[in-house]
């Protein structure tokens, strides 16, 4: 299995403020794959697209050293 596209990026996101203590953010992920297979003289390609979403709390902790 190889990811679709020659340069499948690893993306991230920095939240501007935490969702805690009152809420959550919807976190989503999507993956696209082209599965190339062969067996017993047969071969083919299967396209697999997967998606998931989940509600997660996003917190924040910062430390400040003084002195």
C-alpha atoms as a PDB file:
ATOM      1  CA  UNK A   1       0.000   0.000   0.000  1.00  0.00           C
ATOM      2  CA  UNK A   2       1.271   3.441  -0.856  1.00  0.00           C
ATOM      3  CA  UNK A   3      -0.319   6.779  -0.004  1.00  0.00           C
ATOM      4  CA  UNK A   4      -1.981   8.518  -2.936  1.00  0.00           C
ATOM      5  CA  UNK A   5       0.105  11.412  -4.221  1.00  0.00           C
ATOM      6  CA  UNK A   6       3.868  11.530  -4.422  1.00  0.00           C
ATOM      7  CA  UNK A   7       4.354  13.761  -1.377  1.00  0.00           C
ATOM      8  CA  UNK A   8       1.742  12.841   1.210  1.00  0.00           C
ATOM      9  CA  UNK A   9       2.090  15.682   3.764  1.00  0.00           C
ATOM     10  CA  UNK A  10       1.936  15.379   7.529  1.00  0.00           C
ATOM     11  CA  UNK A  11      -0.212  18.312   8.559  1.00  0.00           C
ATOM     12  CA  UNK A  12      -0.738  19.768  11.989  1.00  0.00           C
ATOM     13  CA  UNK A  13      -2.705  22.528  13.623  1.00  0.00           C
ATOM     14  CA  UNK A  14      -1.957  24.871  16.518  1.00  0.00           C
ATOM     15  CA  UNK A  15      -5.066  25.938  18.407  1.00  0.00           C
ATOM     16  CA  UNK A  16      -5.256  29.630  19.312  1.00  0.00           C
ATOM     17  CA  UNK A  17      -6.889  28.887  22.664  1.00  0.00           C
ATOM     18  CA  UNK A  18      -7.752  25.806  24.683  1.00  0.00           C
ATOM     19  CA  UNK A  19     -11.238  24.305  24.660  1.00  0.00           C
ATOM     20  CA  UNK A  20     -11.050  23.444  28.354  1.00  0.00           C
ATOM     21  CA  UNK A  21     -12.734  23.695  30.788  1.00  0.00           C
ATOM     22  CA  UNK A  22     -16.005  24.099  28.855  1.00  0.00           C
ATOM     23  CA  UNK A  23     -15.743  22.294  25.549  1.00  0.00           C
ATOM     24  CA  UNK A  24     -14.049  20.237  22.863  1.00  0.00           C
ATOM     25  CA  UNK A  25     -12.777  20.602  19.315  1.00  0.00           C
ATOM     26  CA  UNK A  26     -13.735  18.317  16.449  1.00  0.00           C
ATOM     27  CA  UNK A  27     -10.541  16.598  15.293  1.00  0.00           C
ATOM     28  CA  UNK A  28     -10.693  15.013  11.817  1.00  0.00           C
ATOM     29  CA  UNK A  29      -8.356  12.823   9.798  1.00  0.00           C
ATOM     30  CA  UNK A  30      -8.640  11.626   6.199  1.00  0.00           C
ATOM     31  CA  UNK A  31      -6.407   9.063   4.512  1.00  0.00           C
ATOM     32  CA  UNK A  32      -6.326   8.186   0.788  1.00  0.00           C
ATOM     33  CA  UNK A  33      -4.683   4.978  -0.416  1.00  0.00           C
ATOM     34  CA  UNK A  34      -4.248   3.187  -3.740  1.00  0.00           C
ATOM     35  CA  UNK A  35      -3.750  -0.522  -3.001  1.00  0.00           C
ATOM     36  CA  UNK A  36      -2.015  -2.398  -5.824  1.00  0.00           C
ATOM     37  CA  UNK A  37      -2.347  -6.190  -5.581  1.00  0.00           C
ATOM     38  CA  UNK A  38      -1.565  -9.339  -7.555  1.00  0.00           C
ATOM     39  CA  UNK A  39      -2.265 -13.036  -6.916  1.00  0.00           C
ATOM     40  CA  UNK A  40      -2.556 -16.165  -9.051  1.00  0.00           C
ATOM     41  CA  UNK A  41      -2.113 -14.253 -12.315  1.00  0.00           C
ATOM     42  CA  UNK A  42      -4.652 -11.562 -11.457  1.00  0.00           C
ATOM     43  CA  UNK A  43      -3.922  -7.996 -10.402  1.00  0.00           C
ATOM     44  CA  UNK A  44      -5.684  -4.759  -9.769  1.00  0.00           C
ATOM     45  CA  UNK A  45      -5.908  -1.545  -7.830  1.00  0.00           C
ATOM     46  CA  UNK A  46      -8.332  -0.772  -5.047  1.00  0.00           C
ATOM     47  CA  UNK A  47      -8.855   2.809  -3.904  1.00  0.00           C
ATOM     48  CA  UNK A  48      -9.376   3.131  -0.154  1.00  0.00           C
ATOM     49  CA  UNK A  49     -10.475   6.425   1.386  1.00  0.00           C
ATOM     50  CA  UNK A  50     -10.931   6.547   5.153  1.00  0.00           C
ATOM     51  CA  UNK A  51     -12.247   9.341   7.335  1.00  0.00           C
ATOM     52  CA  UNK A  52     -12.591   9.683  11.086  1.00  0.00           C
ATOM     53  CA  UNK A  53     -13.777  12.468  13.375  1.00  0.00           C
ATOM     54  CA  UNK A  54     -13.729  12.725  17.137  1.00  0.00           C
ATOM     55  CA  UNK A  55     -14.525  15.306  19.776  1.00  0.00           C
ATOM     56  CA  UNK A  56     -11.480  15.943  21.976  1.00  0.00           C
ATOM     57  CA  UNK A  57     -10.712  18.444  24.707  1.00  0.00           C
ATOM     58  CA  UNK A  58      -7.679  20.598  23.935  1.00  0.00           C
ATOM     59  CA  UNK A  59      -5.854  21.931  26.972  1.00  0.00           C
ATOM     60  CA  UNK A  60      -2.802  24.050  27.446  1.00  0.00           C
ATOM     61  CA  UNK A  61      -0.075  24.319  30.070  1.00  0.00           C
ATOM     62  CA  UNK A  62       2.628  26.962  29.976  1.00  0.00           C
ATOM     63  CA  UNK A  63       5.550  27.374  32.325  1.00  0.00           C
ATOM     64  CA  UNK A  64       7.353  30.646  33.000  1.00  0.00           C
ATOM     65  CA  UNK A  65      10.738  30.655  34.720  1.00  0.00           C
ATOM     66  CA  UNK A  66      11.333  33.826  36.741  1.00  0.00           C
ATOM     67  CA  UNK A  67      14.611  34.810  38.328  1.00  0.00           C
END
